[in-house]
Amino acid sequence: MNSDIVVAVHALVYLHHKQDVQSSVQIAENVCTNPVRVRHVMSVLCKAGLVNSKRGKQNSGYWYEPSKKITLDQVADAFVGELLEPGWTSGDAAADCPICSGMAGYTNRLYHHMTELCMDYLKTVTIEQVERELFCAKEPLEK
């Protein structure tokens, strides 16, 4: 999972809480990153239809409709094809040994399956639930 997803979830929870147009500077201050990075992340979310943006000299920024029930899988989908990917795989597909020739394929299938399981879980978590958990730390996410 790349860190853009973390920035996106943080920004969405902040927008959900504020329920008003927020500039990239305001979002960046809350996320503790720079406005350029926020604008990049928000442009991905805009393209995915998860947030709206308004340009101009006054009241420009980002917002989303609180009535939208955005789930974390939608956020992840906006950024990546596979949520989990091996950085490297071992073996050589052309080798005679079934272990050496098969391990990379097995590892790729394993990561794909783990991604499916993670995405199934992320479908159950909404931005609203994340906000609620942050304000009511006694309510952990269901397992």
C-alpha atoms as a PDB file:
ATOM      1  CA  MET A   1       0.000   0.000   0.000  1.00  0.00           C
ATOM      2  CA  ASN A   2       1.546   3.298  -0.978  1.00  0.00           C
ATOM      3  CA  SER A   3       1.596   6.368   1.233  1.00  0.00           C
ATOM      4  CA  ASP A   4      -0.671   8.322  -1.148  1.00  0.00           C
ATOM      5  CA  ILE A   5      -3.521   6.160   0.133  1.00  0.00           C
ATOM      6  CA  VAL A   6      -2.682   7.164   3.707  1.00  0.00           C
ATOM      7  CA  VAL A   7      -2.677  10.856   2.710  1.00  0.00           C
ATOM      8  CA  ALA A   8      -5.977  10.351   0.863  1.00  0.00           C
ATOM      9  CA  VAL A   9      -7.731   8.683   3.798  1.00  0.00           C
ATOM     10  CA  HIS A  10      -6.472  11.366   6.170  1.00  0.00           C
ATOM     11  CA  ALA A  11      -7.637  14.139   3.821  1.00  0.00           C
ATOM     12  CA  LEU A  12     -11.044  12.522   3.318  1.00  0.00           C
ATOM     13  CA  VAL A  13     -11.623  12.136   7.048  1.00  0.00           C
ATOM     14  CA  TYR A  14     -10.613  15.781   7.521  1.00  0.00           C
ATOM     15  CA  LEU A  15     -12.995  16.904   4.738  1.00  0.00           C
ATOM     16  CA  HIS A  16     -15.780  14.749   6.163  1.00  0.00           C
ATOM     17  CA  HIS A  17     -15.281  16.317   9.562  1.00  0.00           C
ATOM     18  CA  LYS A  18     -15.076  19.910   8.297  1.00  0.00           C
ATOM     19  CA  GLN A  19     -17.992  19.534   5.853  1.00  0.00           C
ATOM     20  CA  ASP A  20     -16.807  22.617   3.986  1.00  0.00           C
ATOM     21  CA  VAL A  21     -14.414  23.585   1.212  1.00  0.00           C
ATOM     22  CA  GLN A  22     -10.818  23.206   2.381  1.00  0.00           C
ATOM     23  CA  SER A  23      -7.731  24.437   0.541  1.00  0.00           C
ATOM     24  CA  SER A  24      -4.722  22.239  -0.155  1.00  0.00           C
ATOM     25  CA  VAL A  25      -2.824  24.330   2.418  1.00  0.00           C
ATOM     26  CA  GLN A  26      -5.441  23.638   5.107  1.00  0.00           C
ATOM     27  CA  ILE A  27      -5.478  19.933   4.286  1.00  0.00           C
ATOM     28  CA  ALA A  28      -1.669  19.783   4.175  1.00  0.00           C
ATOM     29  CA  GLU A  29      -1.402  21.364   7.621  1.00  0.00           C
ATOM     30  CA  ASN A  30      -3.671  18.687   9.069  1.00  0.00           C
ATOM     31  CA  VAL A  31      -1.991  15.827   7.199  1.00  0.00           C
ATOM     32  CA  CYS A  32       1.486  17.187   8.072  1.00  0.00           C
ATOM     33  CA  THR A  33       2.722  17.178   4.495  1.00  0.00           C
ATOM     34  CA  ASN A  34       3.120  19.791   1.786  1.00  0.00           C
ATOM     35  CA  PRO A  35       0.321  21.308  -0.324  1.00  0.00           C
ATOM     36  CA  VAL A  36       1.853  20.051  -3.589  1.00  0.00           C
ATOM     37  CA  ARG A  37       1.557  16.464  -2.408  1.00  0.00           C
ATOM     38  CA  VAL A  38      -2.002  17.115  -1.243  1.00  0.00           C
ATOM     39  CA  ARG A  39      -2.933  18.574  -4.643  1.00  0.00           C
ATOM     40  CA  HIS A  40      -1.525  15.481  -6.360  1.00  0.00           C
ATOM     41  CA  VAL A  41      -3.488  13.133  -4.091  1.00  0.00           C
ATOM     42  CA  MET A  42      -6.653  15.219  -4.348  1.00  0.00           C
ATOM     43  CA  SER A  43      -6.442  15.269  -8.155  1.00  0.00           C
ATOM     44  CA  VAL A  44      -6.519  11.459  -8.116  1.00  0.00           C
ATOM     45  CA  LEU A  45      -9.523  11.513  -5.782  1.00  0.00           C
ATOM     46  CA  CYS A  46     -11.268  14.072  -8.036  1.00  0.00           C
ATOM     47  CA  LYS A  47     -10.692  11.901 -11.120  1.00  0.00           C
ATOM     48  CA  ALA A  48     -12.153   8.946  -9.228  1.00  0.00           C
ATOM     49  CA  GLY A  49     -15.244  11.025  -8.369  1.00  0.00           C
ATOM     50  CA  LEU A  50     -14.632  10.792  -4.626  1.00  0.00           C
ATOM     51  CA  VAL A  51     -14.184  14.539  -4.033  1.00  0.00           C
ATOM     52  CA  ASN A  52     -15.047  17.781  -5.758  1.00  0.00           C
ATOM     53  CA  SER A  53     -12.798  20.751  -6.369  1.00  0.00           C
ATOM     54  CA  LYS A  54     -13.329  24.418  -6.983  1.00  0.00           C
ATOM     55  CA  ARG A  55     -10.689  26.639  -8.531  1.00  0.00           C
ATOM     56  CA  GLY A  56     -10.466  30.352  -8.216  1.00  0.00           C
ATOM     57  CA  LYS A  57      -9.080  33.130  -6.104  1.00  0.00           C
ATOM     58  CA  GLN A  58     -11.717  32.848  -3.410  1.00  0.00           C
ATOM     59  CA  ASN A  59     -13.151  29.814  -1.700  1.00  0.00           C
ATOM     60  CA  SER A  60     -11.113  27.398  -3.829  1.00  0.00           C
ATOM     61  CA  GLY A  61     -10.351  23.961  -2.532  1.00  0.00           C
ATOM     62  CA  TYR A  62     -11.793  20.486  -2.073  1.00  0.00           C
ATOM     63  CA  TRP A  63     -14.881  18.995  -0.526  1.00  0.00           C
ATOM     64  CA  TYR A  64     -17.101  15.981  -0.766  1.00  0.00           C
ATOM     65  CA  GLU A  65     -20.718  15.365  -0.074  1.00  0.00           C
ATOM     66  CA  PRO A  66     -21.185  13.884   3.411  1.00  0.00           C
ATOM     67  CA  SER A  67     -24.020  11.811   2.006  1.00  0.00           C
ATOM     68  CA  LYS A  68     -21.460   9.831  -0.024  1.00  0.00           C
ATOM     69  CA  LYS A  69     -20.520   6.643   1.729  1.00  0.00           C
ATOM     70  CA  ILE A  70     -16.898   6.377   0.652  1.00  0.00           C
ATOM     71  CA  THR A  71     -15.236   3.107   1.584  1.00  0.00           C
ATOM     72  CA  LEU A  72     -11.522   2.550   1.896  1.00  0.00           C
ATOM     73  CA  ASP A  73     -11.488   0.136  -1.040  1.00  0.00           C
ATOM     74  CA  GLN A  74     -12.687   2.979  -3.269  1.00  0.00           C
ATOM     75  CA  VAL A  75      -9.771   5.074  -2.078  1.00  0.00           C
ATOM     76  CA  ALA A  76      -7.293   2.249  -2.680  1.00  0.00           C
ATOM     77  CA  ASP A  77      -8.778   1.574  -6.131  1.00  0.00           C
ATOM     78  CA  ALA A  78      -8.148   5.184  -7.105  1.00  0.00           C
ATOM     79  CA  PHE A  79      -4.394   4.744  -6.560  1.00  0.00           C
ATOM     80  CA  VAL A  80      -3.344   1.184  -7.306  1.00  0.00           C
ATOM     81  CA  GLY A  81      -4.161  -1.909  -9.273  1.00  0.00           C
ATOM     82  CA  GLU A  82      -2.872  -4.327  -6.669  1.00  0.00           C
ATOM     83  CA  LEU A  83      -2.873  -3.174  -3.058  1.00  0.00           C
ATOM     84  CA  LEU A  84       0.003  -5.495  -2.174  1.00  0.00           C
ATOM     85  CA  GLU A  85       2.807  -6.290  -4.581  1.00  0.00           C
ATOM     86  CA  PRO A  86       6.066  -8.100  -3.982  1.00  0.00           C
ATOM     87  CA  GLY A  87       9.031  -5.785  -4.434  1.00  0.00           C
ATOM     88  CA  TRP A  88      11.037  -8.724  -5.736  1.00  0.00           C
ATOM     89  CA  THR A  89      10.392 -12.357  -6.531  1.00  0.00           C
ATOM     90  CA  SER A  90      12.866 -15.192  -6.339  1.00  0.00           C
ATOM     91  CA  GLY A  91      13.646 -17.915  -8.823  1.00  0.00           C
ATOM     92  CA  ASP A  92      13.923 -18.219 -12.582  1.00  0.00           C
ATOM     93  CA  ALA A  93      10.927 -19.239 -14.702  1.00  0.00           C
ATOM     94  CA  ALA A  94      13.267 -20.940 -17.205  1.00  0.00           C
ATOM     95  CA  ALA A  95      14.968 -23.167 -14.614  1.00  0.00           C
ATOM     96  CA  ASP A  96      14.482 -26.943 -14.602  1.00  0.00           C
ATOM     97  CA  CYS A  97      13.774 -27.056 -10.876  1.00  0.00           C
ATOM     98  CA  PRO A  98      10.037 -26.769 -10.090  1.00  0.00           C
ATOM     99  CA  ILE A  99      10.830 -24.735  -6.970  1.00  0.00           C
ATOM    100  CA  CYS A 100      13.089 -22.265  -8.777  1.00  0.00           C
ATOM    101  CA  SER A 101      10.801 -21.964 -11.810  1.00  0.00           C
ATOM    102  CA  GLY A 102       7.550 -21.815  -9.856  1.00  0.00           C
ATOM    103  CA  MET A 103       8.245 -19.604  -6.866  1.00  0.00           C
ATOM    104  CA  ALA A 104       7.742 -16.224  -8.597  1.00  0.00           C
ATOM    105  CA  GLY A 105       4.363 -17.305  -9.960  1.00  0.00           C
ATOM    106  CA  TYR A 106       3.328 -18.675  -6.593  1.00  0.00           C
ATOM    107  CA  THR A 107       4.403 -15.480  -4.817  1.00  0.00           C
ATOM    108  CA  ASN A 108       2.499 -13.309  -7.312  1.00  0.00           C
ATOM    109  CA  ARG A 109      -0.670 -15.391  -6.820  1.00  0.00           C
ATOM    110  CA  LEU A 110      -0.239 -15.206  -3.041  1.00  0.00           C
ATOM    111  CA  TYR A 111       0.043 -11.395  -3.108  1.00  0.00           C
ATOM    112  CA  HIS A 112      -2.954 -11.178  -5.438  1.00  0.00           C
ATOM    113  CA  HIS A 113      -5.024 -13.303  -3.047  1.00  0.00           C
ATOM    114  CA  MET A 114      -3.920 -11.213  -0.050  1.00  0.00           C
ATOM    115  CA  THR A 115      -4.922  -8.068  -1.975  1.00  0.00           C
ATOM    116  CA  GLU A 116      -8.382  -9.534  -2.604  1.00  0.00           C
ATOM    117  CA  LEU A 117      -8.785 -10.296   1.112  1.00  0.00           C
ATOM    118  CA  CYS A 118      -7.626  -6.806   2.097  1.00  0.00           C
ATOM    119  CA  MET A 119      -9.938  -5.153  -0.434  1.00  0.00           C
ATOM    120  CA  ASP A 120     -12.874  -7.218   0.866  1.00  0.00           C
ATOM    121  CA  TYR A 121     -12.146  -5.872   4.342  1.00  0.00           C
ATOM    122  CA  LEU A 122     -11.659  -2.284   3.110  1.00  0.00           C
ATOM    123  CA  LYS A 123     -15.123  -2.469   1.512  1.00  0.00           C
ATOM    124  CA  THR A 124     -16.530  -2.643   5.035  1.00  0.00           C
ATOM    125  CA  VAL A 125     -14.806   0.505   6.356  1.00  0.00           C
ATOM    126  CA  THR A 126     -16.194   3.955   5.540  1.00  0.00           C
ATOM    127  CA  ILE A 127     -14.577   7.355   5.949  1.00  0.00           C
ATOM    128  CA  GLU A 128     -17.324   8.129   8.463  1.00  0.00           C
ATOM    129  CA  GLN A 129     -16.324   5.093  10.536  1.00  0.00           C
ATOM    130  CA  VAL A 130     -12.676   6.170  10.534  1.00  0.00           C
ATOM    131  CA  GLU A 131     -13.691   9.613  11.794  1.00  0.00           C
ATOM    132  CA  ARG A 132     -15.909   8.074  14.450  1.00  0.00           C
ATOM    133  CA  GLU A 133     -13.093   5.845  15.649  1.00  0.00           C
ATOM    134  CA  LEU A 134     -10.718   8.797  15.882  1.00  0.00           C
ATOM    135  CA  PHE A 135     -13.162  10.739  18.041  1.00  0.00           C
ATOM    136  CA  CYS A 136     -14.312   7.726  20.034  1.00  0.00           C
ATOM    137  CA  ALA A 137     -11.117   5.712  20.451  1.00  0.00           C
ATOM    138  CA  LYS A 138     -13.050   3.212  22.551  1.00  0.00           C
ATOM    139  CA  GLU A 139     -14.750   1.877  19.402  1.00  0.00           C
ATOM    140  CA  PRO A 140     -12.150  -0.207  17.508  1.00  0.00           C
ATOM    141  CA  LEU A 141     -12.815  -1.375  13.972  1.00  0.00           C
ATOM    142  CA  GLU A 142     -14.545  -4.719  13.839  1.00  0.00           C
ATOM    143  CA  LYS A 143     -12.331  -7.671  12.964  1.00  0.00           C
END
